[in-house]
Amino acid sequence: MADTLSVDLKASLSWLFSEGLALSTLNDQAALEFAAAIADGVGDSQADKLWHDSRSVGASASDDLDLTALVSTIFGSSVTINFAKVKAILIVNLSTTAGQVLRVGGAGAGQAFAAPFASDAAGKVEVGPNSCLLLSHQKDGWTVTPGTGDILRVNNPNLAAVTYKIAIVGTSA
């Protein structure tokens, strides 16, 4: 039997902002939401590969993830995931200590997966403690180029190790 993948991609931010006045209270209550269904396949708004892990990156170190050779154990077997395109990346910084950030991207010239960072190999996004980063290009995906554009770096500039969780969704072709 063949494997299948379906992904629900969601992000939301809701708020209630109130201002108390002398005789009344003004409220601004709303939400901004995004949702997309990613079906099984390798075309637009489709994905057939998923990789996820809980990882720890040491003090002042980097965790370089080769998007063409991510190893995972599933159902007792070791498998290697090779992405041709990435449709979504979710990173959750599990640290609850103030200042313990993670820097995502910026693997340097030559092998950096720079596509989500406007093709700038030095581009980085900082993920604060007890925070997340969701990158999505679910329709077309970002191309992974073996040997020259396949390393996603998660850097820890802190003086202590930081644990994070990550999930990557994409295609094999």
C-alpha atoms as a PDB file:
ATOM      1  CA  MET A   1       0.000   0.000   0.000  1.00  0.00           C
ATOM      2  CA  ALA A   2       1.337   3.463  -0.945  1.00  0.00           C
ATOM      3  CA  ASP A   3       1.838   6.209   1.599  1.00  0.00           C
ATOM      4  CA  THR A   4      -0.222   9.415   1.514  1.00  0.00           C
ATOM      5  CA  LEU A   5       0.184  12.794   3.169  1.00  0.00           C
ATOM      6  CA  SER A   6      -2.332  15.482   4.009  1.00  0.00           C
ATOM      7  CA  VAL A   7      -1.444  18.639   5.914  1.00  0.00           C
ATOM      8  CA  ASP A   8      -3.555  21.367   7.476  1.00  0.00           C
ATOM      9  CA  LEU A   9      -1.534  24.559   7.654  1.00  0.00           C
ATOM     10  CA  LYS A  10      -2.971  27.141  10.054  1.00  0.00           C
ATOM     11  CA  ALA A  11      -1.911  30.372  11.681  1.00  0.00           C
ATOM     12  CA  SER A  12      -4.048  32.785  13.636  1.00  0.00           C
ATOM     13  CA  LEU A  13      -3.817  35.842  15.800  1.00  0.00           C
ATOM     14  CA  SER A  14      -6.851  37.121  17.658  1.00  0.00           C
ATOM     15  CA  TRP A  15      -7.071  40.137  19.910  1.00  0.00           C
ATOM     16  CA  LEU A  16      -9.182  42.262  22.193  1.00  0.00           C
ATOM     17  CA  PHE A  17      -7.881  45.784  22.660  1.00  0.00           C
ATOM     18  CA  SER A  18      -9.893  47.897  25.090  1.00  0.00           C
ATOM     19  CA  GLU A  19      -9.659  51.538  26.012  1.00  0.00           C
ATOM     20  CA  GLY A  20     -11.569  52.718  29.047  1.00  0.00           C
ATOM     21  CA  LEU A  21     -13.081  56.170  28.694  1.00  0.00           C
ATOM     22  CA  ALA A  22     -14.957  58.267  31.259  1.00  0.00           C
ATOM     23  CA  LEU A  23     -18.425  56.998  30.275  1.00  0.00           C
ATOM     24  CA  SER A  24     -17.698  53.942  28.104  1.00  0.00           C
ATOM     25  CA  THR A  25     -15.150  51.406  26.960  1.00  0.00           C
ATOM     26  CA  LEU A  26     -14.104  51.092  23.334  1.00  0.00           C
ATOM     27  CA  ASN A  27     -13.185  47.622  22.083  1.00  0.00           C
ATOM     28  CA  ASP A  28     -11.290  46.500  19.012  1.00  0.00           C
ATOM     29  CA  GLN A  29     -11.817  42.766  18.723  1.00  0.00           C
ATOM     30  CA  ALA A  30     -10.822  40.840  15.630  1.00  0.00           C
ATOM     31  CA  ALA A  31      -8.664  38.057  14.257  1.00  0.00           C
ATOM     32  CA  LEU A  32      -6.299  37.492  11.389  1.00  0.00           C
ATOM     33  CA  GLU A  33      -6.285  33.896  10.237  1.00  0.00           C
ATOM     34  CA  PHE A  34      -4.671  31.819   7.530  1.00  0.00           C
ATOM     35  CA  ALA A  35      -5.551  28.254   6.623  1.00  0.00           C
ATOM     36  CA  ALA A  36      -4.519  26.034   3.732  1.00  0.00           C
ATOM     37  CA  ALA A  37      -5.001  22.370   2.984  1.00  0.00           C
ATOM     38  CA  ILE A  38      -2.049  20.623   1.407  1.00  0.00           C
ATOM     39  CA  ALA A  39      -3.042  17.446  -0.403  1.00  0.00           C
ATOM     40  CA  ASP A  40      -0.874  14.461  -1.320  1.00  0.00           C
ATOM     41  CA  GLY A  41       1.240  14.961  -4.442  1.00  0.00           C
ATOM     42  CA  VAL A  42       4.038  17.056  -5.927  1.00  0.00           C
ATOM     43  CA  GLY A  43       2.102  19.878  -7.633  1.00  0.00           C
ATOM     44  CA  ASP A  44       0.685  23.223  -6.544  1.00  0.00           C
ATOM     45  CA  SER A  45      -0.654  23.133  -2.963  1.00  0.00           C
ATOM     46  CA  GLN A  46       0.538  19.525  -2.633  1.00  0.00           C
ATOM     47  CA  ALA A  47       3.250  17.719  -0.665  1.00  0.00           C
ATOM     48  CA  ASP A  48       4.439  14.136  -0.427  1.00  0.00           C
ATOM     49  CA  LYS A  49       7.267  14.474   2.130  1.00  0.00           C
ATOM     50  CA  LEU A  50       7.272  15.337   5.828  1.00  0.00           C
ATOM     51  CA  TRP A  51      10.164  15.466   8.279  1.00  0.00           C
ATOM     52  CA  HIS A  52       9.917  16.389  11.956  1.00  0.00           C
ATOM     53  CA  ASP A  53      12.143  16.182  14.985  1.00  0.00           C
ATOM     54  CA  SER A  54      12.897  17.501  18.447  1.00  0.00           C
ATOM     55  CA  ARG A  55      16.498  18.711  18.515  1.00  0.00           C
ATOM     56  CA  SER A  56      18.997  20.414  20.785  1.00  0.00           C
ATOM     57  CA  VAL A  57      21.674  22.767  19.533  1.00  0.00           C
ATOM     58  CA  GLY A  58      24.641  23.382  21.776  1.00  0.00           C
ATOM     59  CA  ALA A  59      25.891  26.709  23.095  1.00  0.00           C
ATOM     60  CA  SER A  60      27.342  28.931  20.365  1.00  0.00           C
ATOM     61  CA  ALA A  61      26.766  26.153  17.822  1.00  0.00           C
ATOM     62  CA  SER A  62      24.764  25.525  14.664  1.00  0.00           C
ATOM     63  CA  ASP A  63      22.490  22.694  13.638  1.00  0.00           C
ATOM     64  CA  ASP A  64      22.870  22.457   9.847  1.00  0.00           C
ATOM     65  CA  LEU A  65      19.982  20.517   8.337  1.00  0.00           C
ATOM     66  CA  ASP A  66      20.689  19.065   4.886  1.00  0.00           C
ATOM     67  CA  LEU A  67      17.295  19.199   3.181  1.00  0.00           C
ATOM     68  CA  THR A  68      18.417  16.498   0.744  1.00  0.00           C
ATOM     69  CA  ALA A  69      19.401  14.012   3.459  1.00  0.00           C
ATOM     70  CA  LEU A  70      17.233  14.327   6.578  1.00  0.00           C
ATOM     71  CA  VAL A  71      17.214  11.046   8.492  1.00  0.00           C
ATOM     72  CA  SER A  72      14.209   9.969  10.535  1.00  0.00           C
ATOM     73  CA  THR A  73      12.977   6.829  12.208  1.00  0.00           C
ATOM     74  CA  ILE A  74       9.401   5.932  11.410  1.00  0.00           C
ATOM     75  CA  PHE A  75       7.604   2.712  12.303  1.00  0.00           C
ATOM     76  CA  GLY A  76      10.940   1.256  13.447  1.00  0.00           C
ATOM     77  CA  SER A  77      12.795   1.903  10.196  1.00  0.00           C
ATOM     78  CA  SER A  78      15.355   4.560   9.364  1.00  0.00           C
ATOM     79  CA  VAL A  79      14.405   6.619   6.309  1.00  0.00           C
ATOM     80  CA  THR A  80      16.079   9.494   4.503  1.00  0.00           C
ATOM     81  CA  ILE A  81      13.921  12.380   3.352  1.00  0.00           C
ATOM     82  CA  ASN A  82      15.108  14.253   0.256  1.00  0.00           C
ATOM     83  CA  PHE A  83      13.211  17.473  -0.456  1.00  0.00           C
ATOM     84  CA  ALA A  84      13.056  18.939  -3.970  1.00  0.00           C
ATOM     85  CA  LYS A  85      10.781  21.750  -2.779  1.00  0.00           C
ATOM     86  CA  VAL A  86       9.819  22.984   0.669  1.00  0.00           C
ATOM     87  CA  LYS A  87       6.214  24.094   1.192  1.00  0.00           C
ATOM     88  CA  ALA A  88       6.272  24.919   4.933  1.00  0.00           C
ATOM     89  CA  ILE A  89       8.640  25.050   7.903  1.00  0.00           C
ATOM     90  CA  LEU A  90       7.547  25.332  11.529  1.00  0.00           C
ATOM     91  CA  ILE A  91      10.152  25.867  14.241  1.00  0.00           C
ATOM     92  CA  VAL A  92       9.247  26.105  17.938  1.00  0.00           C
ATOM     93  CA  ASN A  93      11.874  27.365  20.379  1.00  0.00           C
ATOM     94  CA  LEU A  94      11.186  25.411  23.586  1.00  0.00           C
ATOM     95  CA  SER A  95      13.403  27.556  25.808  1.00  0.00           C
ATOM     96  CA  THR A  96      11.551  29.636  28.380  1.00  0.00           C
ATOM     97  CA  THR A  97      14.645  31.598  29.413  1.00  0.00           C
ATOM     98  CA  ALA A  98      14.708  35.262  28.415  1.00  0.00           C
ATOM     99  CA  GLY A  99      17.234  35.992  25.679  1.00  0.00           C
ATOM    100  CA  GLN A 100      17.665  32.397  24.492  1.00  0.00           C
ATOM    101  CA  VAL A 101      16.975  32.963  20.809  1.00  0.00           C
ATOM    102  CA  LEU A 102      17.562  30.791  17.781  1.00  0.00           C
ATOM    103  CA  ARG A 103      18.650  32.223  14.432  1.00  0.00           C
ATOM    104  CA  VAL A 104      17.250  30.443  11.399  1.00  0.00           C
ATOM    105  CA  GLY A 105      18.969  30.788   8.017  1.00  0.00           C
ATOM    106  CA  GLY A 106      22.303  32.275   7.097  1.00  0.00           C
ATOM    107  CA  ALA A 107      24.245  29.097   6.387  1.00  0.00           C
ATOM    108  CA  GLY A 108      26.673  31.138   4.306  1.00  0.00           C
ATOM    109  CA  ALA A 109      27.455  31.228   0.639  1.00  0.00           C
ATOM    110  CA  GLY A 110      27.665  27.963  -1.229  1.00  0.00           C
ATOM    111  CA  GLN A 111      25.091  25.695   0.401  1.00  0.00           C
ATOM    112  CA  ALA A 112      22.569  27.901   2.198  1.00  0.00           C
ATOM    113  CA  PHE A 113      18.881  27.195   1.693  1.00  0.00           C
ATOM    114  CA  ALA A 114      18.263  30.907   1.192  1.00  0.00           C
ATOM    115  CA  ALA A 115      14.968  30.855  -0.730  1.00  0.00           C
ATOM    116  CA  PRO A 116      12.705  31.882   2.195  1.00  0.00           C
ATOM    117  CA  PHE A 117      15.126  34.711   2.963  1.00  0.00           C
ATOM    118  CA  ALA A 118      14.786  36.398  -0.466  1.00  0.00           C
ATOM    119  CA  SER A 119      17.735  34.380  -1.820  1.00  0.00           C
ATOM    120  CA  ASP A 120      20.176  36.064   0.529  1.00  0.00           C
ATOM    121  CA  ALA A 121      22.544  33.446   1.925  1.00  0.00           C
ATOM    122  CA  ALA A 122      23.234  35.675   4.940  1.00  0.00           C
ATOM    123  CA  GLY A 123      19.542  36.277   5.733  1.00  0.00           C
ATOM    124  CA  LYS A 124      18.337  35.112   9.148  1.00  0.00           C
ATOM    125  CA  VAL A 125      15.174  35.201  11.223  1.00  0.00           C
ATOM    126  CA  GLU A 126      15.348  35.248  15.016  1.00  0.00           C
ATOM    127  CA  VAL A 127      12.994  32.994  17.002  1.00  0.00           C
ATOM    128  CA  GLY A 128      12.637  34.093  20.603  1.00  0.00           C
ATOM    129  CA  PRO A 129      12.167  31.856  23.634  1.00  0.00           C
ATOM    130  CA  ASN A 130       8.761  30.194  23.928  1.00  0.00           C
ATOM    131  CA  SER A 131       8.039  31.379  20.372  1.00  0.00           C
ATOM    132  CA  CYS A 132       7.630  29.947  16.894  1.00  0.00           C
ATOM    133  CA  LEU A 133       8.440  30.674  13.279  1.00  0.00           C
ATOM    134  CA  LEU A 134       6.116  29.511  10.514  1.00  0.00           C
ATOM    135  CA  LEU A 135       7.312  29.927   6.942  1.00  0.00           C
ATOM    136  CA  SER A 136       4.876  28.988   4.216  1.00  0.00           C
ATOM    137  CA  HIS A 137       5.024  28.856   0.429  1.00  0.00           C
ATOM    138  CA  GLN A 138       2.377  26.151   0.162  1.00  0.00           C
ATOM    139  CA  LYS A 139       1.307  26.844  -3.440  1.00  0.00           C
ATOM    140  CA  ASP A 140       4.624  26.759  -5.347  1.00  0.00           C
ATOM    141  CA  GLY A 141       7.223  25.887  -2.723  1.00  0.00           C
ATOM    142  CA  TRP A 142      10.851  26.935  -2.431  1.00  0.00           C
ATOM    143  CA  THR A 143      13.286  24.961  -4.576  1.00  0.00           C
ATOM    144  CA  VAL A 144      16.010  22.974  -2.807  1.00  0.00           C
ATOM    145  CA  THR A 145      19.193  22.803  -4.862  1.00  0.00           C
ATOM    146  CA  PRO A 146      21.423  19.848  -3.905  1.00  0.00           C
ATOM    147  CA  GLY A 147      24.985  20.908  -3.103  1.00  0.00           C
ATOM    148  CA  THR A 148      24.394  24.654  -3.496  1.00  0.00           C
ATOM    149  CA  GLY A 149      21.105  25.496  -1.772  1.00  0.00           C
ATOM    150  CA  ASP A 150      20.164  22.724   0.619  1.00  0.00           C
ATOM    151  CA  ILE A 151      21.421  23.609   4.128  1.00  0.00           C
ATOM    152  CA  LEU A 152      18.927  25.118   6.580  1.00  0.00           C
ATOM    153  CA  ARG A 153      20.909  26.431   9.534  1.00  0.00           C
ATOM    154  CA  VAL A 154      19.502  26.738  13.056  1.00  0.00           C
ATOM    155  CA  ASN A 155      22.074  28.730  15.046  1.00  0.00           C
ATOM    156  CA  ASN A 156      22.228  29.089  18.807  1.00  0.00           C
ATOM    157  CA  PRO A 157      24.181  32.231  19.797  1.00  0.00           C
ATOM    158  CA  ASN A 158      23.541  31.595  23.506  1.00  0.00           C
ATOM    159  CA  LEU A 159      25.800  30.329  26.279  1.00  0.00           C
ATOM    160  CA  ALA A 160      23.550  27.313  26.959  1.00  0.00           C
ATOM    161  CA  ALA A 161      22.007  24.618  24.772  1.00  0.00           C
ATOM    162  CA  VAL A 162      18.527  25.295  23.364  1.00  0.00           C
ATOM    163  CA  THR A 163      15.971  22.640  22.437  1.00  0.00           C
ATOM    164  CA  TYR A 164      13.573  23.175  19.564  1.00  0.00           C
ATOM    165  CA  LYS A 165      11.000  21.278  17.555  1.00  0.00           C
ATOM    166  CA  ILE A 166      10.821  21.434  13.790  1.00  0.00           C
ATOM    167  CA  ALA A 167       8.534  20.178  11.033  1.00  0.00           C
ATOM    168  CA  ILE A 168       9.216  20.538   7.315  1.00  0.00           C
ATOM    169  CA  VAL A 169       6.671  19.770   4.589  1.00  0.00           C
ATOM    170  CA  GLY A 170       7.599  19.530   0.916  1.00  0.00           C
ATOM    171  CA  THR A 171       7.837  17.506  -2.233  1.00  0.00           C
ATOM    172  CA  SER A 172      10.141  14.874  -3.696  1.00  0.00           C
ATOM    173  CA  ALA A 173       9.969  16.378  -7.185  1.00  0.00           C
END
